[in-house]
């Protein structure tokens, strides 16, 4: 799978996520979008087959998700910055606002530690 194939294959899922994050016509909850994309990435890494890809295709999915984060959240945004957001004070407040379960928070924290290569604790 190349990047164009990934776009064609996964853009419907991203559009569905965008719809869930849409507050009004043109306004998207970018914080929720980042949390959802980070969750997708974590799930894909844990079980690529369940995501419909092979472990060899993870890098292509990573590139695609980075493109979508930059498109929706802003330039310079990628999976790493999504996890940086999640562990920030604002990100932690977002997790509470969105009623993210403790188990989901722990899942995100696990991947934040892996990606950011540092010890992190969420409230």
PDB file of N, CA and C in Angstrom:
ATOM      1  N   UNK A   1       0.849  -1.172   0.000  1.00  0.00           N
ATOM      2  CA  UNK A   1       0.000   0.000   0.000  1.00  0.00           C
ATOM      3  C   UNK A   1       0.893   1.234   0.000  1.00  0.00           C
ATOM      4  N   UNK A   2       0.594   2.147  -0.897  1.00  0.00           N
ATOM      5  CA  UNK A   2       1.314   3.421  -0.909  1.00  0.00           C
ATOM      6  C   UNK A   2       0.418   4.498  -0.302  1.00  0.00           C
ATOM      7  N   UNK A   3       0.926   5.707  -0.215  1.00  0.00           N
ATOM      8  CA  UNK A   3       0.196   6.792   0.439  1.00  0.00           C
ATOM      9  C   UNK A   3      -1.123   7.110  -0.260  1.00  0.00           C
ATOM     10  N   UNK A   4      -1.143   7.102  -1.566  1.00  0.00           N
ATOM     11  CA  UNK A   4      -2.385   7.383  -2.297  1.00  0.00           C
ATOM     12  C   UNK A   4      -3.428   6.304  -2.022  1.00  0.00           C
ATOM     13  N   UNK A   5      -3.008   5.057  -1.988  1.00  0.00           N
ATOM     14  CA  UNK A   5      -3.937   3.969  -1.657  1.00  0.00           C
ATOM     15  C   UNK A   5      -4.467   4.128  -0.227  1.00  0.00           C
ATOM     16  N   UNK A   6      -3.601   4.552   0.674  1.00  0.00           N
ATOM     17  CA  UNK A   6      -4.025   4.782   2.063  1.00  0.00           C
ATOM     18  C   UNK A   6      -5.065   5.891   2.113  1.00  0.00           C
ATOM     19  N   UNK A   7      -4.842   6.954   1.351  1.00  0.00           N
ATOM     20  CA  UNK A   7      -5.816   8.055   1.317  1.00  0.00           C
ATOM     21  C   UNK A   7      -7.179   7.539   0.866  1.00  0.00           C
ATOM     22  N   UNK A   8      -7.187   6.814  -0.233  1.00  0.00           N
ATOM     23  CA  UNK A   8      -8.448   6.311  -0.770  1.00  0.00           C
ATOM     24  C   UNK A   8      -9.123   5.345   0.196  1.00  0.00           C
ATOM     25  N   UNK A   9      -8.332   4.561   0.861  1.00  0.00           N
ATOM     26  CA  UNK A   9      -8.861   3.536   1.754  1.00  0.00           C
ATOM     27  C   UNK A   9      -9.367   4.104   3.077  1.00  0.00           C
ATOM     28  N   UNK A  10      -8.654   5.084   3.634  1.00  0.00           N
ATOM     29  CA  UNK A  10      -8.954   5.544   4.983  1.00  0.00           C
ATOM     30  C   UNK A  10      -9.648   6.903   5.069  1.00  0.00           C
ATOM     31  N   UNK A  11      -9.747   7.633   3.963  1.00  0.00           N
ATOM     32  CA  UNK A  11     -10.401   8.938   4.037  1.00  0.00           C
ATOM     33  C   UNK A  11     -11.861   8.824   4.476  1.00  0.00           C
ATOM     34  N   UNK A  12     -12.596   7.780   4.101  1.00  0.00           N
ATOM     35  CA  UNK A  12     -13.971   7.687   4.618  1.00  0.00           C
ATOM     36  C   UNK A  12     -14.012   7.616   6.155  1.00  0.00           C
ATOM     37  N   UNK A  13     -13.080   6.909   6.753  1.00  0.00           N
ATOM     38  CA  UNK A  13     -13.028   6.816   8.212  1.00  0.00           C
ATOM     39  C   UNK A  13     -12.694   8.177   8.819  1.00  0.00           C
ATOM     40  N   UNK A  14     -11.760   8.892   8.219  1.00  0.00           N
ATOM     41  CA  UNK A  14     -11.401  10.223   8.727  1.00  0.00           C
ATOM     42  C   UNK A  14     -12.579  11.175   8.573  1.00  0.00           C
ATOM     43  N   UNK A  15     -13.295  11.090   7.483  1.00  0.00           N
ATOM     44  CA  UNK A  15     -14.468  11.945   7.285  1.00  0.00           C
ATOM     45  C   UNK A  15     -15.538  11.637   8.332  1.00  0.00           C
ATOM     46  N   UNK A  16     -15.696  10.372   8.678  1.00  0.00           N
ATOM     47  CA  UNK A  16     -16.648   9.999   9.724  1.00  0.00           C
ATOM     48  C   UNK A  16     -16.212  10.579  11.079  1.00  0.00           C
ATOM     49  N   UNK A  17     -14.930  10.519  11.359  1.00  0.00           N
ATOM     50  CA  UNK A  17     -14.398  11.103  12.594  1.00  0.00           C
ATOM     51  C   UNK A  17     -14.625  12.612  12.598  1.00  0.00           C
ATOM     52  N   UNK A  18     -14.357  13.256  11.473  1.00  0.00           N
ATOM     53  CA  UNK A  18     -14.589  14.696  11.369  1.00  0.00           C
ATOM     54  C   UNK A  18     -16.049  15.040  11.644  1.00  0.00           C
ATOM     55  N   UNK A  19     -16.938  14.225  11.136  1.00  0.00           N
ATOM     56  CA  UNK A  19     -18.359  14.469  11.368  1.00  0.00           C
ATOM     57  C   UNK A  19     -18.687  14.373  12.852  1.00  0.00           C
ATOM     58  N   UNK A  20     -18.078  13.422  13.541  1.00  0.00           N
ATOM     59  CA  UNK A  20     -18.292  13.279  14.985  1.00  0.00           C
ATOM     60  C   UNK A  20     -17.690  14.455  15.750  1.00  0.00           C
ATOM     61  N   UNK A  21     -16.656  15.070  15.192  1.00  0.00           N
ATOM     62  CA  UNK A  21     -15.970  16.191  15.841  1.00  0.00           C
ATOM     63  C   UNK A  21     -16.549  17.545  15.439  1.00  0.00           C
ATOM     64  N   UNK A  22     -17.446  17.550  14.467  1.00  0.00           N
ATOM     65  CA  UNK A  22     -18.003  18.803  13.967  1.00  0.00           C
ATOM     66  C   UNK A  22     -19.005  19.363  14.971  1.00  0.00           C
ATOM     67  N   UNK A  23     -18.824  20.635  15.283  1.00  0.00           N
ATOM     68  CA  UNK A  23     -19.725  21.316  16.211  1.00  0.00           C
ATOM     69  C   UNK A  23     -20.797  22.052  15.424  1.00  0.00           C
ATOM     70  N   UNK A  24     -20.388  22.808  14.427  1.00  0.00           N
ATOM     71  CA  UNK A  24     -21.278  23.425  13.450  1.00  0.00           C
ATOM     72  C   UNK A  24     -20.612  23.253  12.095  1.00  0.00           C
ATOM     73  N   UNK A  25     -21.273  23.701  11.044  1.00  0.00           N
ATOM     74  CA  UNK A  25     -20.814  23.430   9.677  1.00  0.00           C
ATOM     75  C   UNK A  25     -19.301  23.417   9.488  1.00  0.00           C
ATOM     76  N   UNK A  26     -18.642  24.500   9.805  1.00  0.00           N
ATOM     77  CA  UNK A  26     -17.214  24.602   9.519  1.00  0.00           C
ATOM     78  C   UNK A  26     -16.332  24.554  10.760  1.00  0.00           C
ATOM     79  N   UNK A  27     -16.920  24.317  11.923  1.00  0.00           N
ATOM     80  CA  UNK A  27     -16.138  24.317  13.148  1.00  0.00           C
ATOM     81  C   UNK A  27     -15.971  22.892  13.655  1.00  0.00           C
ATOM     82  N   UNK A  28     -14.710  22.479  13.792  1.00  0.00           N
ATOM     83  CA  UNK A  28     -14.366  21.133  14.242  1.00  0.00           C
ATOM     84  C   UNK A  28     -13.690  21.234  15.603  1.00  0.00           C
ATOM     85  N   UNK A  29     -14.067  20.357  16.515  1.00  0.00           N
ATOM     86  CA  UNK A  29     -13.392  20.257  17.803  1.00  0.00           C
ATOM     87  C   UNK A  29     -12.039  19.590  17.548  1.00  0.00           C
ATOM     88  N   UNK A  30     -11.010  20.400  17.376  1.00  0.00           N
ATOM     89  CA  UNK A  30      -9.683  19.904  17.026  1.00  0.00           C
ATOM     90  C   UNK A  30      -9.069  19.079  18.144  1.00  0.00           C
ATOM     91  N   UNK A  31      -9.436  19.384  19.372  1.00  0.00           N
ATOM     92  CA  UNK A  31      -8.920  18.603  20.494  1.00  0.00           C
ATOM     93  C   UNK A  31      -9.465  17.182  20.433  1.00  0.00           C
ATOM     94  N   UNK A  32     -10.748  17.051  20.198  1.00  0.00           N
ATOM     95  CA  UNK A  32     -11.353  15.716  20.073  1.00  0.00           C
ATOM     96  C   UNK A  32     -10.755  14.970  18.885  1.00  0.00           C
ATOM     97  N   UNK A  33     -10.551  15.666  17.782  1.00  0.00           N
ATOM     98  CA  UNK A  33      -9.975  15.046  16.592  1.00  0.00           C
ATOM     99  C   UNK A  33      -8.591  14.470  16.908  1.00  0.00           C
ATOM    100  N   UNK A  34      -7.764  15.226  17.602  1.00  0.00           N
ATOM    101  CA  UNK A  34      -6.429  14.739  17.954  1.00  0.00           C
ATOM    102  C   UNK A  34      -6.499  13.485  18.830  1.00  0.00           C
ATOM    103  N   UNK A  35      -7.402  13.500  19.794  1.00  0.00           N
ATOM    104  CA  UNK A  35      -7.554  12.344  20.682  1.00  0.00           C
ATOM    105  C   UNK A  35      -8.005  11.121  19.886  1.00  0.00           C
ATOM    106  N   UNK A  36      -8.930  11.318  18.971  1.00  0.00           N
ATOM    107  CA  UNK A  36      -9.428  10.193  18.177  1.00  0.00           C
ATOM    108  C   UNK A  36      -8.345   9.646  17.234  1.00  0.00           C
ATOM    109  N   UNK A  37      -7.581  10.525  16.614  1.00  0.00           N
ATOM    110  CA  UNK A  37      -6.519  10.062  15.716  1.00  0.00           C
ATOM    111  C   UNK A  37      -5.428   9.353  16.517  1.00  0.00           C
ATOM    112  N   UNK A  38      -5.081   9.869  17.686  1.00  0.00           N
ATOM    113  CA  UNK A  38      -4.092   9.209  18.542  1.00  0.00           C
ATOM    114  C   UNK A  38      -4.579   7.822  18.943  1.00  0.00           C
ATOM    115  N   UNK A  39      -5.866   7.693  19.209  1.00  0.00           N
ATOM    116  CA  UNK A  39      -6.449   6.404  19.570  1.00  0.00           C
ATOM    117  C   UNK A  39      -6.381   5.437  18.397  1.00  0.00           C
ATOM    118  N   UNK A  40      -6.701   5.931  17.222  1.00  0.00           N
ATOM    119  CA  UNK A  40      -6.614   5.088  16.021  1.00  0.00           C
ATOM    120  C   UNK A  40      -5.189   4.599  15.823  1.00  0.00           C
ATOM    121  N   UNK A  41      -4.224   5.508  15.975  1.00  0.00           N
ATOM    122  CA  UNK A  41      -2.828   5.124  15.792  1.00  0.00           C
ATOM    123  C   UNK A  41      -2.434   4.044  16.809  1.00  0.00           C
ATOM    124  N   UNK A  42      -2.782   4.239  18.056  1.00  0.00           N
ATOM    125  CA  UNK A  42      -2.453   3.249  19.079  1.00  0.00           C
ATOM    126  C   UNK A  42      -3.059   1.892  18.776  1.00  0.00           C
ATOM    127  N   UNK A  43      -4.314   1.882  18.384  1.00  0.00           N
ATOM    128  CA  UNK A  43      -4.972   0.621  18.048  1.00  0.00           C
ATOM    129  C   UNK A  43      -4.322  -0.053  16.841  1.00  0.00           C
ATOM    130  N   UNK A  44      -3.954   0.736  15.853  1.00  0.00           N
ATOM    131  CA  UNK A  44      -3.307   0.176  14.655  1.00  0.00           C
ATOM    132  C   UNK A  44      -1.961  -0.446  15.008  1.00  0.00           C
ATOM    133  N   UNK A  45      -1.216   0.200  15.878  1.00  0.00           N
ATOM    134  CA  UNK A  45       0.090  -0.333  16.281  1.00  0.00           C
ATOM    135  C   UNK A  45      -0.089  -1.629  17.065  1.00  0.00           C
ATOM    136  N   UNK A  46      -1.072  -1.653  17.965  1.00  0.00           N
ATOM    137  CA  UNK A  46      -1.299  -2.858  18.768  1.00  0.00           C
ATOM    138  C   UNK A  46      -1.768  -4.035  17.943  1.00  0.00           C
ATOM    139  N   UNK A  47      -2.627  -3.773  16.962  1.00  0.00           N
ATOM    140  CA  UNK A  47      -3.205  -4.862  16.169  1.00  0.00           C
ATOM    141  C   UNK A  47      -3.451  -4.399  14.735  1.00  0.00           C
ATOM    142  N   UNK A  48      -2.383  -4.358  13.926  1.00  0.00           N
ATOM    143  CA  UNK A  48      -2.536  -3.877  12.543  1.00  0.00           C
ATOM    144  C   UNK A  48      -3.601  -4.636  11.761  1.00  0.00           C
ATOM    145  N   UNK A  49      -3.670  -5.960  11.945  1.00  0.00           N
ATOM    146  CA  UNK A  49      -4.648  -6.755  11.205  1.00  0.00           C
ATOM    147  C   UNK A  49      -6.074  -6.275  11.462  1.00  0.00           C
ATOM    148  N   UNK A  50      -6.377  -5.948  12.702  1.00  0.00           N
ATOM    149  CA  UNK A  50      -7.717  -5.471  13.051  1.00  0.00           C
ATOM    150  C   UNK A  50      -8.018  -4.134  12.373  1.00  0.00           C
ATOM    151  N   UNK A  51      -6.963  -3.374  12.064  1.00  0.00           N
ATOM    152  CA  UNK A  51      -7.119  -2.094  11.365  1.00  0.00           C
ATOM    153  C   UNK A  51      -7.144  -2.276   9.848  1.00  0.00           C
ATOM    154  N   UNK A  52      -6.984  -3.506   9.417  1.00  0.00           N
ATOM    155  CA  UNK A  52      -7.041  -3.790   7.989  1.00  0.00           C
ATOM    156  C   UNK A  52      -5.738  -3.541   7.254  1.00  0.00           C
ATOM    157  N   UNK A  53      -4.631  -3.528   8.011  1.00  0.00           N
ATOM    158  CA  UNK A  53      -3.322  -3.329   7.386  1.00  0.00           C
ATOM    159  C   UNK A  53      -2.345  -4.370   7.925  1.00  0.00           C
ATOM    160  N   UNK A  54      -1.195  -4.425   7.300  1.00  0.00           N
ATOM    161  CA  UNK A  54      -0.118  -5.272   7.807  1.00  0.00           C
ATOM    162  C   UNK A  54       0.835  -4.401   8.616  1.00  0.00           C
ATOM    163  N   UNK A  55       1.665  -5.027   9.414  1.00  0.00           N
ATOM    164  CA  UNK A  55       2.621  -4.245  10.203  1.00  0.00           C
ATOM    165  C   UNK A  55       3.578  -3.474   9.297  1.00  0.00           C
ATOM    166  N   UNK A  56       3.834  -3.988   8.107  1.00  0.00           N
ATOM    167  CA  UNK A  56       4.697  -3.289   7.158  1.00  0.00           C
ATOM    168  C   UNK A  56       4.050  -2.015   6.628  1.00  0.00           C
ATOM    169  N   UNK A  57       2.724  -1.930   6.699  1.00  0.00           N
ATOM    170  CA  UNK A  57       2.002  -0.765   6.196  1.00  0.00           C
ATOM    171  C   UNK A  57       1.783   0.321   7.254  1.00  0.00           C
ATOM    172  N   UNK A  58       2.244   0.061   8.475  1.00  0.00           N
ATOM    173  CA  UNK A  58       2.068   1.053   9.544  1.00  0.00           C
ATOM    174  C   UNK A  58       2.694   2.398   9.187  1.00  0.00           C
ATOM    175  N   UNK A  59       3.840   2.370   8.540  1.00  0.00           N
ATOM    176  CA  UNK A  59       4.504   3.636   8.203  1.00  0.00           C
ATOM    177  C   UNK A  59       3.662   4.459   7.224  1.00  0.00           C
ATOM    178  N   UNK A  60       2.964   3.791   6.321  1.00  0.00           N
ATOM    179  CA  UNK A  60       2.103   4.503   5.368  1.00  0.00           C
ATOM    180  C   UNK A  60       0.892   5.083   6.106  1.00  0.00           C
ATOM    181  N   UNK A  61       0.306   4.306   7.006  1.00  0.00           N
ATOM    182  CA  UNK A  61      -0.810   4.820   7.803  1.00  0.00           C
ATOM    183  C   UNK A  61      -0.352   6.010   8.643  1.00  0.00           C
ATOM    184  N   UNK A  62       0.839   5.917   9.199  1.00  0.00           N
ATOM    185  CA  UNK A  62       1.417   7.008   9.994  1.00  0.00           C
ATOM    186  C   UNK A  62       1.496   8.281   9.158  1.00  0.00           C
ATOM    187  N   UNK A  63       2.007   8.167   7.941  1.00  0.00           N
ATOM    188  CA  UNK A  63       2.119   9.327   7.053  1.00  0.00           C
ATOM    189  C   UNK A  63       0.740   9.901   6.724  1.00  0.00           C
ATOM    190  N   UNK A  64      -0.221   9.028   6.456  1.00  0.00           N
ATOM    191  CA  UNK A  64      -1.574   9.478   6.145  1.00  0.00           C
ATOM    192  C   UNK A  64      -2.184  10.218   7.338  1.00  0.00           C
ATOM    193  N   UNK A  65      -2.069   9.650   8.536  1.00  0.00           N
ATOM    194  CA  UNK A  65      -2.628  10.305   9.718  1.00  0.00           C
ATOM    195  C   UNK A  65      -1.945  11.638   9.987  1.00  0.00           C
ATOM    196  N   UNK A  66      -0.635  11.701   9.738  1.00  0.00           N
ATOM    197  CA  UNK A  66       0.066  12.978   9.884  1.00  0.00           C
ATOM    198  C   UNK A  66      -0.494  14.025   8.925  1.00  0.00           C
ATOM    199  N   UNK A  67      -0.757  13.627   7.693  1.00  0.00           N
ATOM    200  CA  UNK A  67      -1.357  14.543   6.713  1.00  0.00           C
ATOM    201  C   UNK A  67      -2.705  15.057   7.196  1.00  0.00           C
ATOM    202  N   UNK A  68      -3.525  14.164   7.715  1.00  0.00           N
ATOM    203  CA  UNK A  68      -4.858  14.547   8.167  1.00  0.00           C
ATOM    204  C   UNK A  68      -4.794  15.465   9.383  1.00  0.00           C
ATOM    205  N   UNK A  69      -3.891  15.193  10.304  1.00  0.00           N
ATOM    206  CA  UNK A  69      -3.723  16.075  11.456  1.00  0.00           C
ATOM    207  C   UNK A  69      -3.293  17.468  11.004  1.00  0.00           C
ATOM    208  N   UNK A  70      -2.372  17.543  10.064  1.00  0.00           N
ATOM    209  CA  UNK A  70      -1.927  18.843   9.551  1.00  0.00           C
ATOM    210  C   UNK A  70      -3.067  19.563   8.846  1.00  0.00           C
ATOM    211  N   UNK A  71      -3.865  18.832   8.103  1.00  0.00           N
ATOM    212  CA  UNK A  71      -4.984  19.428   7.359  1.00  0.00           C
ATOM    213  C   UNK A  71      -6.060  19.968   8.298  1.00  0.00           C
ATOM    214  N   UNK A  72      -6.382  19.216   9.333  1.00  0.00           N
ATOM    215  CA  UNK A  72      -7.501  19.583  10.202  1.00  0.00           C
ATOM    216  C   UNK A  72      -7.066  20.477  11.360  1.00  0.00           C
ATOM    217  N   UNK A  73      -5.961  20.129  12.003  1.00  0.00           N
ATOM    218  CA  UNK A  73      -5.542  20.843  13.212  1.00  0.00           C
ATOM    219  C   UNK A  73      -4.639  22.016  12.876  1.00  0.00           C
ATOM    220  N   UNK A  74      -3.782  21.833  11.880  1.00  0.00           N
ATOM    221  CA  UNK A  74      -2.895  22.916  11.470  1.00  0.00           C
ATOM    222  C   UNK A  74      -1.532  22.380  11.063  1.00  0.00           C
ATOM    223  N   UNK A  75      -0.849  23.181  10.256  1.00  0.00           N
ATOM    224  CA  UNK A  75       0.491  22.799   9.816  1.00  0.00           C
ATOM    225  C   UNK A  75       1.351  22.488  11.028  1.00  0.00           C
ATOM    226  N   UNK A  76       2.345  21.661  10.829  1.00  0.00           N
ATOM    227  CA  UNK A  76       3.263  21.261  11.899  1.00  0.00           C
ATOM    228  C   UNK A  76       2.632  20.289  12.889  1.00  0.00           C
ATOM    229  N   UNK A  77       1.392  19.886  12.665  1.00  0.00           N
ATOM    230  CA  UNK A  77       0.737  18.943  13.567  1.00  0.00           C
ATOM    231  C   UNK A  77       0.897  17.537  13.011  1.00  0.00           C
ATOM    232  N   UNK A  78       1.204  16.611  13.911  1.00  0.00           N
ATOM    233  CA  UNK A  78       1.364  15.221  13.526  1.00  0.00           C
ATOM    234  C   UNK A  78       1.035  14.336  14.722  1.00  0.00           C
ATOM    235  N   UNK A  79       1.260  13.059  14.593  1.00  0.00           N
ATOM    236  CA  UNK A  79       0.934  12.131  15.670  1.00  0.00           C
ATOM    237  C   UNK A  79       1.700  12.488  16.940  1.00  0.00           C
ATOM    238  N   UNK A  80       2.953  12.829  16.809  1.00  0.00           N
ATOM    239  CA  UNK A  80       3.738  13.204  17.985  1.00  0.00           C
ATOM    240  C   UNK A  80       3.129  14.416  18.678  1.00  0.00           C
ATOM    241  N   UNK A  81       2.769  15.434  17.926  1.00  0.00           N
ATOM    242  CA  UNK A  81       2.185  16.630  18.546  1.00  0.00           C
ATOM    243  C   UNK A  81       0.811  16.329  19.141  1.00  0.00           C
ATOM    244  N   UNK A  82       0.080  15.361  18.581  1.00  0.00           N
ATOM    245  CA  UNK A  82      -1.204  14.970  19.158  1.00  0.00           C
ATOM    246  C   UNK A  82      -0.983  14.380  20.553  1.00  0.00           C
ATOM    247  N   UNK A  83       0.050  13.557  20.697  1.00  0.00           N
ATOM    248  CA  UNK A  83       0.343  12.996  22.017  1.00  0.00           C
ATOM    249  C   UNK A  83       0.903  14.062  22.960  1.00  0.00           C
ATOM    250  N   UNK A  84       1.662  15.009  22.437  1.00  0.00           N
ATOM    251  CA  UNK A  84       2.118  16.124  23.270  1.00  0.00           C
ATOM    252  C   UNK A  84       0.924  16.921  23.775  1.00  0.00           C
ATOM    253  N   UNK A  85      -0.065  17.125  22.914  1.00  0.00           N
ATOM    254  CA  UNK A  85      -1.282  17.811  23.332  1.00  0.00           C
ATOM    255  C   UNK A  85      -1.988  17.013  24.430  1.00  0.00           C
ATOM    256  N   UNK A  86      -2.140  15.725  24.226  1.00  0.00           N
ATOM    257  CA  UNK A  86      -2.874  14.881  25.165  1.00  0.00           C
ATOM    258  C   UNK A  86      -2.270  14.942  26.565  1.00  0.00           C
ATOM    259  N   UNK A  87      -0.958  14.993  26.669  1.00  0.00           N
ATOM    260  CA  UNK A  87      -0.330  15.005  28.001  1.00  0.00           C
ATOM    261  C   UNK A  87      -0.187  16.418  28.566  1.00  0.00           C
ATOM    262  N   UNK A  88      -0.549  17.421  27.793  1.00  0.00           N
ATOM    263  CA  UNK A  88      -0.497  18.803  28.291  1.00  0.00           C
ATOM    264  C   UNK A  88      -1.673  19.055  29.234  1.00  0.00           C
ATOM    265  N   UNK A  89      -1.606  20.137  29.959  1.00  0.00           N
ATOM    266  CA  UNK A  89      -2.710  20.499  30.858  1.00  0.00           C
ATOM    267  C   UNK A  89      -4.005  20.668  30.067  1.00  0.00           C
ATOM    268  N   UNK A  90      -3.924  21.360  28.930  1.00  0.00           N
ATOM    269  CA  UNK A  90      -5.100  21.558  28.076  1.00  0.00           C
ATOM    270  C   UNK A  90      -5.642  20.222  27.569  1.00  0.00           C
ATOM    271  N   UNK A  91      -4.731  19.324  27.214  1.00  0.00           N
ATOM    272  CA  UNK A  91      -5.139  17.997  26.754  1.00  0.00           C
ATOM    273  C   UNK A  91      -5.816  17.206  27.850  1.00  0.00           C
ATOM    274  N   UNK A  92      -5.265  17.274  29.046  1.00  0.00           N
ATOM    275  CA  UNK A  92      -5.878  16.570  30.174  1.00  0.00           C
ATOM    276  C   UNK A  92      -7.275  17.123  30.449  1.00  0.00           C
ATOM    277  N   UNK A  93      -7.415  18.444  30.368  1.00  0.00           N
ATOM    278  CA  UNK A  93      -8.735  19.055  30.547  1.00  0.00           C
ATOM    279  C   UNK A  93      -9.702  18.577  29.461  1.00  0.00           C
ATOM    280  N   UNK A  94      -9.200  18.409  28.256  1.00  0.00           N
ATOM    281  CA  UNK A  94     -10.020  17.918  27.149  1.00  0.00           C
ATOM    282  C   UNK A  94     -10.484  16.490  27.406  1.00  0.00           C
ATOM    283  N   UNK A  95      -9.596  15.656  27.924  1.00  0.00           N
ATOM    284  CA  UNK A  95      -9.966  14.278  28.228  1.00  0.00           C
ATOM    285  C   UNK A  95     -11.123  14.243  29.230  1.00  0.00           C
ATOM    286  N   UNK A  96     -11.081  15.132  30.198  1.00  0.00           N
ATOM    287  CA  UNK A  96     -12.168  15.222  31.182  1.00  0.00           C
ATOM    288  C   UNK A  96     -13.440  15.730  30.510  1.00  0.00           C
ATOM    289  N   UNK A  97     -13.313  16.810  29.732  1.00  0.00           N
ATOM    290  CA  UNK A  97     -14.473  17.405  29.047  1.00  0.00           C
ATOM    291  C   UNK A  97     -15.169  16.394  28.150  1.00  0.00           C
ATOM    292  N   UNK A  98     -14.390  15.539  27.514  1.00  0.00           N
ATOM    293  CA  UNK A  98     -14.939  14.564  26.576  1.00  0.00           C
ATOM    294  C   UNK A  98     -15.340  13.253  27.250  1.00  0.00           C
ATOM    295  N   UNK A  99     -15.209  13.210  28.570  1.00  0.00           N
ATOM    296  CA  UNK A  99     -15.577  12.015  29.342  1.00  0.00           C
ATOM    297  C   UNK A  99     -14.831  10.763  28.891  1.00  0.00           C
ATOM    298  N   UNK A 100     -13.542  10.912  28.634  1.00  0.00           N
ATOM    299  CA  UNK A 100     -12.706   9.778  28.245  1.00  0.00           C
ATOM    300  C   UNK A 100     -12.516   8.900  29.480  1.00  0.00           C
ATOM    301  N   UNK A 101     -12.742   7.606  29.329  1.00  0.00           N
ATOM    302  CA  UNK A 101     -12.646   6.686  30.461  1.00  0.00           C
ATOM    303  C   UNK A 101     -11.205   6.587  30.970  1.00  0.00           C
ATOM    304  N   UNK A 102     -11.065   6.146  32.191  1.00  0.00           N
ATOM    305  CA  UNK A 102      -9.739   5.976  32.774  1.00  0.00           C
ATOM    306  C   UNK A 102      -8.915   4.979  31.967  1.00  0.00           C
ATOM    307  N   UNK A 103      -9.537   3.924  31.522  1.00  0.00           N
ATOM    308  CA  UNK A 103      -8.823   2.911  30.715  1.00  0.00           C
ATOM    309  C   UNK A 103      -8.310   3.516  29.404  1.00  0.00           C
ATOM    310  N   UNK A 104      -9.139   4.338  28.773  1.00  0.00           N
ATOM    311  CA  UNK A 104      -8.741   5.001  27.528  1.00  0.00           C
ATOM    312  C   UNK A 104      -7.585   5.972  27.801  1.00  0.00           C
ATOM    313  N   UNK A 105      -7.672   6.718  28.904  1.00  0.00           N
ATOM    314  CA  UNK A 105      -6.584   7.625  29.283  1.00  0.00           C
ATOM    315  C   UNK A 105      -5.279   6.854  29.470  1.00  0.00           C
ATOM    316  N   UNK A 106      -5.353   5.719  30.142  1.00  0.00           N
ATOM    317  CA  UNK A 106      -4.160   4.897  30.365  1.00  0.00           C
ATOM    318  C   UNK A 106      -3.588   4.386  29.045  1.00  0.00           C
ATOM    319  N   UNK A 107      -4.465   4.019  28.124  1.00  0.00           N
ATOM    320  CA  UNK A 107      -4.052   3.594  26.794  1.00  0.00           C
ATOM    321  C   UNK A 107      -3.285   4.719  26.091  1.00  0.00           C
ATOM    322  N   UNK A 108      -3.851   5.930  26.126  1.00  0.00           N
ATOM    323  CA  UNK A 108      -3.194   7.080  25.498  1.00  0.00           C
ATOM    324  C   UNK A 108      -1.874   7.406  26.189  1.00  0.00           C
ATOM    325  N   UNK A 109      -1.840   7.301  27.499  1.00  0.00           N
ATOM    326  CA  UNK A 109      -0.617   7.551  28.260  1.00  0.00           C
ATOM    327  C   UNK A 109       0.474   6.551  27.890  1.00  0.00           C
ATOM    328  N   UNK A 110       0.099   5.315  27.728  1.00  0.00           N
ATOM    329  CA  UNK A 110       1.056   4.278  27.325  1.00  0.00           C
ATOM    330  C   UNK A 110       1.738   4.660  26.010  1.00  0.00           C
ATOM    331  N   UNK A 111       0.937   5.052  25.039  1.00  0.00           N
ATOM    332  CA  UNK A 111       1.513   5.423  23.745  1.00  0.00           C
ATOM    333  C   UNK A 111       2.263   6.748  23.808  1.00  0.00           C
ATOM    334  N   UNK A 112       1.806   7.657  24.633  1.00  0.00           N
ATOM    335  CA  UNK A 112       2.530   8.923  24.805  1.00  0.00           C
ATOM    336  C   UNK A 112       3.932   8.640  25.334  1.00  0.00           C
ATOM    337  N   UNK A 113       4.037   7.738  26.294  1.00  0.00           N
ATOM    338  CA  UNK A 113       5.363   7.380  26.829  1.00  0.00           C
ATOM    339  C   UNK A 113       6.254   6.794  25.733  1.00  0.00           C
ATOM    340  N   UNK A 114       5.682   5.916  24.925  1.00  0.00           N
ATOM    341  CA  UNK A 114       6.462   5.296  23.843  1.00  0.00           C
ATOM    342  C   UNK A 114       6.910   6.331  22.816  1.00  0.00           C
ATOM    343  N   UNK A 115       5.986   7.171  22.402  1.00  0.00           N
ATOM    344  CA  UNK A 115       6.273   8.118  21.328  1.00  0.00           C
ATOM    345  C   UNK A 115       7.147   9.268  21.808  1.00  0.00           C
ATOM    346  N   UNK A 116       6.842   9.789  22.983  1.00  0.00           N
ATOM    347  CA  UNK A 116       7.566  10.962  23.471  1.00  0.00           C
ATOM    348  C   UNK A 116       8.831  10.590  24.239  1.00  0.00           C
ATOM    349  N   UNK A 117       8.996   9.309  24.519  1.00  0.00           N
ATOM    350  CA  UNK A 117      10.186   8.801  25.198  1.00  0.00           C
ATOM    351  C   UNK A 117      10.463   9.507  26.522  1.00  0.00           C
ATOM    352  N   UNK A 118       9.406   9.647  27.325  1.00  0.00           N
ATOM    353  CA  UNK A 118       9.576  10.209  28.662  1.00  0.00           C
ATOM    354  C   UNK A 118       8.479   9.704  29.573  1.00  0.00           C
ATOM    355  N   UNK A 119       8.729   9.791  30.868  1.00  0.00           N
ATOM    356  CA  UNK A 119       7.746   9.377  31.845  1.00  0.00           C
ATOM    357  C   UNK A 119       6.682  10.451  31.957  1.00  0.00           C
ATOM    358  N   UNK A 120       5.435  10.057  31.862  1.00  0.00           N
ATOM    359  CA  UNK A 120       4.316  10.999  31.855  1.00  0.00           C
ATOM    360  C   UNK A 120       3.240  10.464  32.769  1.00  0.00           C
ATOM    361  N   UNK A 121       2.633  11.353  33.516  1.00  0.00           N
ATOM    362  CA  UNK A 121       1.497  10.970  34.359  1.00  0.00           C
ATOM    363  C   UNK A 121       0.346  11.909  34.074  1.00  0.00           C
ATOM    364  N   UNK A 122      -0.826  11.314  33.892  1.00  0.00           N
ATOM    365  CA  UNK A 122      -2.040  12.097  33.727  1.00  0.00           C
ATOM    366  C   UNK A 122      -2.743  12.164  35.064  1.00  0.00           C
ATOM    367  N   UNK A 123      -3.459  13.239  35.277  1.00  0.00           N
ATOM    368  CA  UNK A 123      -4.260  13.366  36.504  1.00  0.00           C
ATOM    369  C   UNK A 123      -5.440  12.427  36.475  1.00  0.00           C
TER     370      UNK A 123
END
